[in-house]
Amino acid sequence: LVAAENILLTGVIAGDASLAVDNISFGDAAR
């Protein structure tokens, strides 16, 4: 559960994800 203006996700989230965000980017292994 994440609230941020900018999010970078490069890891793995095993469960659900609730994201409040303006800009989001992902790494190659993000899932």
PDB file of all heavy atoms in Angstrom:
ATOM      1  N   LEU A   1       0.868  -1.174   0.000  1.00  0.00           N
ATOM      2  CA  LEU A   1       0.000   0.000   0.000  1.00  0.00           C
ATOM      3  C   LEU A   1       0.906   1.225   0.000  1.00  0.00           C
ATOM      4  O   LEU A   1       1.553   1.523   1.002  1.00  0.00           O
ATOM      5  CB  LEU A   1      -0.914  -0.004   1.227  1.00  0.00           C
ATOM      6  CG  LEU A   1      -1.838   1.200   1.413  1.00  0.00           C
ATOM      7  CD1 LEU A   1      -2.821   1.309   0.265  1.00  0.00           C
ATOM      8  CD2 LEU A   1      -2.578   1.110   2.737  1.00  0.00           C
ATOM      9  N   VAL A   2       0.966   1.921  -1.135  1.00  0.00           N
ATOM     10  CA  VAL A   2       1.950   2.988  -1.318  1.00  0.00           C
ATOM     11  C   VAL A   2       1.271   4.228  -1.887  1.00  0.00           C
ATOM     12  O   VAL A   2       0.510   4.141  -2.855  1.00  0.00           O
ATOM     13  CB  VAL A   2       3.087   2.543  -2.268  1.00  0.00           C
ATOM     14  CG1 VAL A   2       4.088   3.669  -2.449  1.00  0.00           C
ATOM     15  CG2 VAL A   2       3.775   1.292  -1.728  1.00  0.00           C
ATOM     16  N   ALA A   3       1.558   5.364  -1.288  1.00  0.00           N
ATOM     17  CA  ALA A   3       1.110   6.661  -1.801  1.00  0.00           C
ATOM     18  C   ALA A   3       2.341   7.521  -2.024  1.00  0.00           C
ATOM     19  O   ALA A   3       3.070   7.811  -1.076  1.00  0.00           O
ATOM     20  CB  ALA A   3       0.146   7.327  -0.834  1.00  0.00           C
ATOM     21  N   ALA A   4       2.591   7.919  -3.271  1.00  0.00           N
ATOM     22  CA  ALA A   4       3.773   8.706  -3.597  1.00  0.00           C
ATOM     23  C   ALA A   4       3.548   9.417  -4.921  1.00  0.00           C
ATOM     24  O   ALA A   4       2.772   8.964  -5.764  1.00  0.00           O
ATOM     25  CB  ALA A   4       5.010   7.822  -3.661  1.00  0.00           C
ATOM     26  N   GLU A   5       4.257  10.518  -5.087  1.00  0.00           N
ATOM     27  CA  GLU A   5       4.170  11.221  -6.369  1.00  0.00           C
ATOM     28  C   GLU A   5       4.914  10.462  -7.453  1.00  0.00           C
ATOM     29  O   GLU A   5       4.466  10.390  -8.601  1.00  0.00           O
ATOM     30  CB  GLU A   5       4.741  12.633  -6.219  1.00  0.00           C
ATOM     31  CG  GLU A   5       4.588  13.481  -7.464  1.00  0.00           C
ATOM     32  CD  GLU A   5       5.045  14.911  -7.253  1.00  0.00           C
ATOM     33  OE1 GLU A   5       5.078  15.353  -6.090  1.00  0.00           O
ATOM     34  OE2 GLU A   5       5.361  15.588  -8.252  1.00  0.00           O
ATOM     35  N   ASN A   6       6.052   9.870  -7.077  1.00  0.00           N
ATOM     36  CA  ASN A   6       6.863   9.123  -8.041  1.00  0.00           C
ATOM     37  C   ASN A   6       7.224   7.768  -7.444  1.00  0.00           C
ATOM     38  O   ASN A   6       7.720   7.699  -6.306  1.00  0.00           O
ATOM     39  CB  ASN A   6       8.141   9.887  -8.390  1.00  0.00           C
ATOM     40  CG  ASN A   6       7.856  11.251  -9.000  1.00  0.00           C
ATOM     41  OD1 ASN A   6       7.499  11.356 -10.163  1.00  0.00           O
ATOM     42  ND2 ASN A   6       7.990  12.303  -8.188  1.00  0.00           N
ATOM     43  N   ILE A   7       7.000   6.700  -8.197  1.00  0.00           N
ATOM     44  CA  ILE A   7       7.301   5.344  -7.746  1.00  0.00           C
ATOM     45  C   ILE A   7       8.164   4.647  -8.789  1.00  0.00           C
ATOM     46  O   ILE A   7       7.868   4.694  -9.993  1.00  0.00           O
ATOM     47  CB  ILE A   7       6.012   4.515  -7.522  1.00  0.00           C
ATOM     48  CG1 ILE A   7       5.175   5.125  -6.395  1.00  0.00           C
ATOM     49  CG2 ILE A   7       6.352   3.061  -7.198  1.00  0.00           C
ATOM     50  CD1 ILE A   7       3.859   4.387  -6.158  1.00  0.00           C
ATOM     51  N   LEU A   8       9.239   4.012  -8.307  1.00  0.00           N
ATOM     52  CA  LEU A   8      10.052   3.133  -9.138  1.00  0.00           C
ATOM     53  C   LEU A   8       9.975   1.737  -8.550  1.00  0.00           C
ATOM     54  O   LEU A   8      10.355   1.525  -7.396  1.00  0.00           O
ATOM     55  CB  LEU A   8      11.507   3.604  -9.193  1.00  0.00           C
ATOM     56  CG  LEU A   8      12.498   2.629  -9.845  1.00  0.00           C
ATOM     57  CD1 LEU A   8      12.142   2.387 -11.318  1.00  0.00           C
ATOM     58  CD2 LEU A   8      13.938   3.133  -9.719  1.00  0.00           C
ATOM     59  N   LEU A   9       9.476   0.781  -9.329  1.00  0.00           N
ATOM     60  CA  LEU A   9       9.356  -0.610  -8.890  1.00  0.00           C
ATOM     61  C   LEU A   9      10.270  -1.474  -9.734  1.00  0.00           C
ATOM     62  O   LEU A   9      10.095  -1.578 -10.956  1.00  0.00           O
ATOM     63  CB  LEU A   9       7.906  -1.087  -9.012  1.00  0.00           C
ATOM     64  CG  LEU A   9       7.653  -2.563  -8.698  1.00  0.00           C
ATOM     65  CD1 LEU A   9       7.976  -2.875  -7.242  1.00  0.00           C
ATOM     66  CD2 LEU A   9       6.202  -2.945  -9.012  1.00  0.00           C
ATOM     67  N   THR A  10      11.243  -2.098  -9.064  1.00  0.00           N
ATOM     68  CA  THR A  10      12.130  -3.034  -9.764  1.00  0.00           C
ATOM     69  C   THR A  10      12.035  -4.429  -9.178  1.00  0.00           C
ATOM     70  O   THR A  10      12.587  -5.371  -9.745  1.00  0.00           O
ATOM     71  CB  THR A  10      13.593  -2.562  -9.689  1.00  0.00           C
ATOM     72  OG1 THR A  10      14.022  -2.564  -8.325  1.00  0.00           O
ATOM     73  CG2 THR A  10      13.741  -1.156 -10.252  1.00  0.00           C
ATOM     74  N   GLY A  11      11.368  -4.585  -8.033  1.00  0.00           N
ATOM     75  CA  GLY A  11      11.239  -5.876  -7.378  1.00  0.00           C
ATOM     76  C   GLY A  11       9.905  -6.536  -7.685  1.00  0.00           C
ATOM     77  O   GLY A  11       9.147  -6.116  -8.570  1.00  0.00           O
ATOM     78  N   VAL A  12       9.602  -7.563  -6.897  1.00  0.00           N
ATOM     79  CA  VAL A  12       8.391  -8.356  -7.081  1.00  0.00           C
ATOM     80  C   VAL A  12       7.487  -8.182  -5.873  1.00  0.00           C
ATOM     81  O   VAL A  12       7.934  -8.305  -4.731  1.00  0.00           O
ATOM     82  CB  VAL A  12       8.719  -9.848  -7.272  1.00  0.00           C
ATOM     83  CG1 VAL A  12       7.446 -10.687  -7.372  1.00  0.00           C
ATOM     84  CG2 VAL A  12       9.586 -10.039  -8.507  1.00  0.00           C
ATOM     85  N   ILE A  13       6.218  -7.879  -6.110  1.00  0.00           N
ATOM     86  CA  ILE A  13       5.207  -7.805  -5.064  1.00  0.00           C
ATOM     87  C   ILE A  13       4.363  -9.067  -5.164  1.00  0.00           C
ATOM     88  O   ILE A  13       3.662  -9.278  -6.161  1.00  0.00           O
ATOM     89  CB  ILE A  13       4.331  -6.546  -5.212  1.00  0.00           C
ATOM     90  CG1 ILE A  13       5.201  -5.288  -5.101  1.00  0.00           C
ATOM     91  CG2 ILE A  13       3.229  -6.539  -4.161  1.00  0.00           C
ATOM     92  CD1 ILE A  13       4.444  -3.992  -5.334  1.00  0.00           C
ATOM     93  N   ALA A  14       4.430  -9.917  -4.147  1.00  0.00           N
ATOM     94  CA  ALA A  14       3.786 -11.228  -4.219  1.00  0.00           C
ATOM     95  C   ALA A  14       2.266 -11.145  -4.103  1.00  0.00           C
ATOM     96  O   ALA A  14       1.561 -12.015  -4.608  1.00  0.00           O
ATOM     97  CB  ALA A  14       4.342 -12.141  -3.122  1.00  0.00           C
ATOM     98  N   GLY A  15       1.750 -10.116  -3.431  1.00  0.00           N
ATOM     99  CA  GLY A  15       0.305  -9.991  -3.250  1.00  0.00           C
ATOM    100  C   GLY A  15      -0.264  -8.855  -4.072  1.00  0.00           C
ATOM    101  O   GLY A  15       0.251  -8.485  -5.131  1.00  0.00           O
ATOM    102  N   ASP A  16      -1.355  -8.289  -3.575  1.00  0.00           N
ATOM    103  CA  ASP A  16      -1.980  -7.156  -4.244  1.00  0.00           C
ATOM    104  C   ASP A  16      -1.178  -5.881  -4.000  1.00  0.00           C
ATOM    105  O   ASP A  16      -0.453  -5.761  -3.004  1.00  0.00           O
ATOM    106  CB  ASP A  16      -3.411  -6.950  -3.735  1.00  0.00           C
ATOM    107  CG  ASP A  16      -4.312  -8.139  -4.065  1.00  0.00           C
ATOM    108  OD1 ASP A  16      -3.985  -8.871  -5.023  1.00  0.00           O
ATOM    109  OD2 ASP A  16      -5.324  -8.326  -3.365  1.00  0.00           O
ATOM    110  N   ALA A  17      -1.349  -4.919  -4.895  1.00  0.00           N
ATOM    111  CA  ALA A  17      -0.687  -3.628  -4.752  1.00  0.00           C
ATOM    112  C   ALA A  17      -1.710  -2.524  -4.944  1.00  0.00           C
ATOM    113  O   ALA A  17      -2.440  -2.508  -5.937  1.00  0.00           O
ATOM    114  CB  ALA A  17       0.445  -3.482  -5.761  1.00  0.00           C
ATOM    115  N   SER A  18      -1.775  -1.630  -3.979  1.00  0.00           N
ATOM    116  CA  SER A  18      -2.633  -0.455  -4.061  1.00  0.00           C
ATOM    117  C   SER A  18      -1.728   0.762  -4.124  1.00  0.00           C
ATOM    118  O   SER A  18      -1.072   1.104  -3.141  1.00  0.00           O
ATOM    119  CB  SER A  18      -3.580  -0.385  -2.856  1.00  0.00           C
ATOM    120  OG  SER A  18      -4.433   0.736  -2.941  1.00  0.00           O
ATOM    121  N   LEU A  19      -1.682   1.416  -5.298  1.00  0.00           N
ATOM    122  CA  LEU A  19      -0.729   2.490  -5.532  1.00  0.00           C
ATOM    123  C   LEU A  19      -1.462   3.777  -5.885  1.00  0.00           C
ATOM    124  O   LEU A  19      -2.233   3.816  -6.847  1.00  0.00           O
ATOM    125  CB  LEU A  19       0.229   2.126  -6.668  1.00  0.00           C
ATOM    126  CG  LEU A  19       0.948   0.775  -6.563  1.00  0.00           C
ATOM    127  CD1 LEU A  19       1.837   0.555  -7.783  1.00  0.00           C
ATOM    128  CD2 LEU A  19       1.753   0.682  -5.283  1.00  0.00           C
ATOM    129  N   ALA A  20      -1.237   4.817  -5.101  1.00  0.00           N
ATOM    130  CA  ALA A  20      -1.720   6.159  -5.411  1.00  0.00           C
ATOM    131  C   ALA A  20      -0.516   6.954  -5.891  1.00  0.00           C
ATOM    132  O   ALA A  20       0.394   7.246  -5.117  1.00  0.00           O
ATOM    133  CB  ALA A  20      -2.351   6.805  -4.185  1.00  0.00           C
ATOM    134  N   VAL A  21      -0.482   7.324  -7.179  1.00  0.00           N
ATOM    135  CA  VAL A  21       0.749   7.813  -7.770  1.00  0.00           C
ATOM    136  C   VAL A  21       0.448   8.749  -8.934  1.00  0.00           C
ATOM    137  O   VAL A  21      -0.615   8.650  -9.577  1.00  0.00           O
ATOM    138  CB  VAL A  21       1.596   6.604  -8.253  1.00  0.00           C
ATOM    139  CG1 VAL A  21       0.863   5.822  -9.332  1.00  0.00           C
ATOM    140  CG2 VAL A  21       2.963   7.038  -8.736  1.00  0.00           C
ATOM    141  N   ASP A  22       1.407   9.640  -9.221  1.00  0.00           N
ATOM    142  CA  ASP A  22       1.334  10.482 -10.414  1.00  0.00           C
ATOM    143  C   ASP A  22       2.185   9.912 -11.538  1.00  0.00           C
ATOM    144  O   ASP A  22       1.766   9.881 -12.692  1.00  0.00           O
ATOM    145  CB  ASP A  22       1.803  11.904 -10.085  1.00  0.00           C
ATOM    146  CG  ASP A  22       0.823  12.653  -9.206  1.00  0.00           C
ATOM    147  OD1 ASP A  22      -0.368  12.281  -9.209  1.00  0.00           O
ATOM    148  OD2 ASP A  22       1.240  13.597  -8.507  1.00  0.00           O
ATOM    149  N   ASN A  23       3.402   9.464 -11.185  1.00  0.00           N
ATOM    150  CA  ASN A  23       4.316   8.905 -12.182  1.00  0.00           C
ATOM    151  C   ASN A  23       4.888   7.605 -11.646  1.00  0.00           C
ATOM    152  O   ASN A  23       5.315   7.538 -10.489  1.00  0.00           O
ATOM    153  CB  ASN A  23       5.467   9.882 -12.469  1.00  0.00           C
ATOM    154  CG  ASN A  23       4.966  11.238 -12.924  1.00  0.00           C
ATOM    155  OD1 ASN A  23       4.437  11.377 -14.007  1.00  0.00           O
ATOM    156  ND2 ASN A  23       5.134  12.247 -12.060  1.00  0.00           N
ATOM    157  N   ILE A  24       4.895   6.571 -12.493  1.00  0.00           N
ATOM    158  CA  ILE A  24       5.413   5.275 -12.062  1.00  0.00           C
ATOM    159  C   ILE A  24       6.250   4.681 -13.184  1.00  0.00           C
ATOM    160  O   ILE A  24       5.918   4.802 -14.368  1.00  0.00           O
ATOM    161  CB  ILE A  24       4.266   4.307 -11.671  1.00  0.00           C
ATOM    162  CG1 ILE A  24       4.826   3.013 -11.096  1.00  0.00           C
ATOM    163  CG2 ILE A  24       3.320   4.051 -12.832  1.00  0.00           C
ATOM    164  CD1 ILE A  24       3.779   2.126 -10.453  1.00  0.00           C
ATOM    165  N   SER A  25       7.384   4.067 -12.809  1.00  0.00           N
ATOM    166  CA  SER A  25       8.255   3.407 -13.775  1.00  0.00           C
ATOM    167  C   SER A  25       8.664   2.056 -13.216  1.00  0.00           C
ATOM    168  O   SER A  25       8.570   1.809 -12.004  1.00  0.00           O
ATOM    169  CB  SER A  25       9.488   4.263 -14.081  1.00  0.00           C
ATOM    170  OG  SER A  25      10.166   4.620 -12.882  1.00  0.00           O
ATOM    171  N   PHE A  26       9.134   1.175 -14.104  1.00  0.00           N
ATOM    172  CA  PHE A  26       9.392  -0.205 -13.714  1.00  0.00           C
ATOM    173  C   PHE A  26      10.744  -0.671 -14.232  1.00  0.00           C
ATOM    174  O   PHE A  26      11.207  -0.240 -15.304  1.00  0.00           O
ATOM    175  CB  PHE A  26       8.300  -1.136 -14.273  1.00  0.00           C
ATOM    176  CG  PHE A  26       6.911  -0.773 -13.846  1.00  0.00           C
ATOM    177  CD1 PHE A  26       6.125   0.059 -14.631  1.00  0.00           C
ATOM    178  CD2 PHE A  26       6.393  -1.247 -12.649  1.00  0.00           C
ATOM    179  CE1 PHE A  26       4.838   0.402 -14.241  1.00  0.00           C
ATOM    180  CE2 PHE A  26       5.112  -0.914 -12.247  1.00  0.00           C
ATOM    181  CZ  PHE A  26       4.338  -0.082 -13.049  1.00  0.00           C
ATOM    182  N   GLY A  27      11.375  -1.568 -13.454  1.00  0.00           N
ATOM    183  CA  GLY A  27      12.579  -2.236 -13.897  1.00  0.00           C
ATOM    184  C   GLY A  27      12.237  -3.474 -14.698  1.00  0.00           C
ATOM    185  O   GLY A  27      11.074  -3.894 -14.792  1.00  0.00           O
ATOM    186  N   ASP A  28      13.278  -4.109 -15.285  1.00  0.00           N
ATOM    187  CA  ASP A  28      13.053  -5.279 -16.135  1.00  0.00           C
ATOM    188  C   ASP A  28      12.460  -6.452 -15.361  1.00  0.00           C
ATOM    189  O   ASP A  28      11.695  -7.247 -15.926  1.00  0.00           O
ATOM    190  CB  ASP A  28      14.371  -5.705 -16.787  1.00  0.00           C
ATOM    191  CG  ASP A  28      14.907  -4.647 -17.747  1.00  0.00           C
ATOM    192  OD1 ASP A  28      14.083  -3.847 -18.241  1.00  0.00           O
ATOM    193  OD2 ASP A  28      16.129  -4.622 -17.978  1.00  0.00           O
ATOM    194  N   ALA A  29      12.800  -6.576 -14.068  1.00  0.00           N
ATOM    195  CA  ALA A  29      12.332  -7.717 -13.277  1.00  0.00           C
ATOM    196  C   ALA A  29      11.106  -7.386 -12.439  1.00  0.00           C
ATOM    197  O   ALA A  29      10.659  -8.213 -11.632  1.00  0.00           O
ATOM    198  CB  ALA A  29      13.464  -8.208 -12.371  1.00  0.00           C
ATOM    199  N   ALA A  30      10.533  -6.218 -12.606  1.00  0.00           N
ATOM    200  CA  ALA A  30       9.379  -5.816 -11.793  1.00  0.00           C
ATOM    201  C   ALA A  30       8.168  -6.683 -12.112  1.00  0.00           C
ATOM    202  O   ALA A  30       7.901  -7.004 -13.282  1.00  0.00           O
ATOM    203  CB  ALA A  30       9.058  -4.346 -12.040  1.00  0.00           C
ATOM    204  N   ARG A  31       7.437  -7.037 -11.060  1.00  0.00           N
ATOM    205  CA  ARG A  31       6.249  -7.883 -11.261  1.00  0.00           C
ATOM    206  C   ARG A  31       5.304  -7.730 -10.074  1.00  0.00           C
ATOM    207  O   ARG A  31       5.746  -7.592  -8.936  1.00  0.00           O
ATOM    208  CB  ARG A  31       6.641  -9.346 -11.427  1.00  0.00           C
ATOM    209  CG  ARG A  31       5.503 -10.238 -11.919  1.00  0.00           C
ATOM    210  CD  ARG A  31       5.965 -11.657 -12.175  1.00  0.00           C
ATOM    211  NE  ARG A  31       6.128 -12.409 -10.920  1.00  0.00           N
ATOM    212  CZ  ARG A  31       7.290 -12.831 -10.447  1.00  0.00           C
ATOM    213  NH1 ARG A  31       8.408 -12.562 -11.112  1.00  0.00           N
ATOM    214  NH2 ARG A  31       7.349 -13.506  -9.324  1.00  0.00           N
TER     215      ARG A  31
END
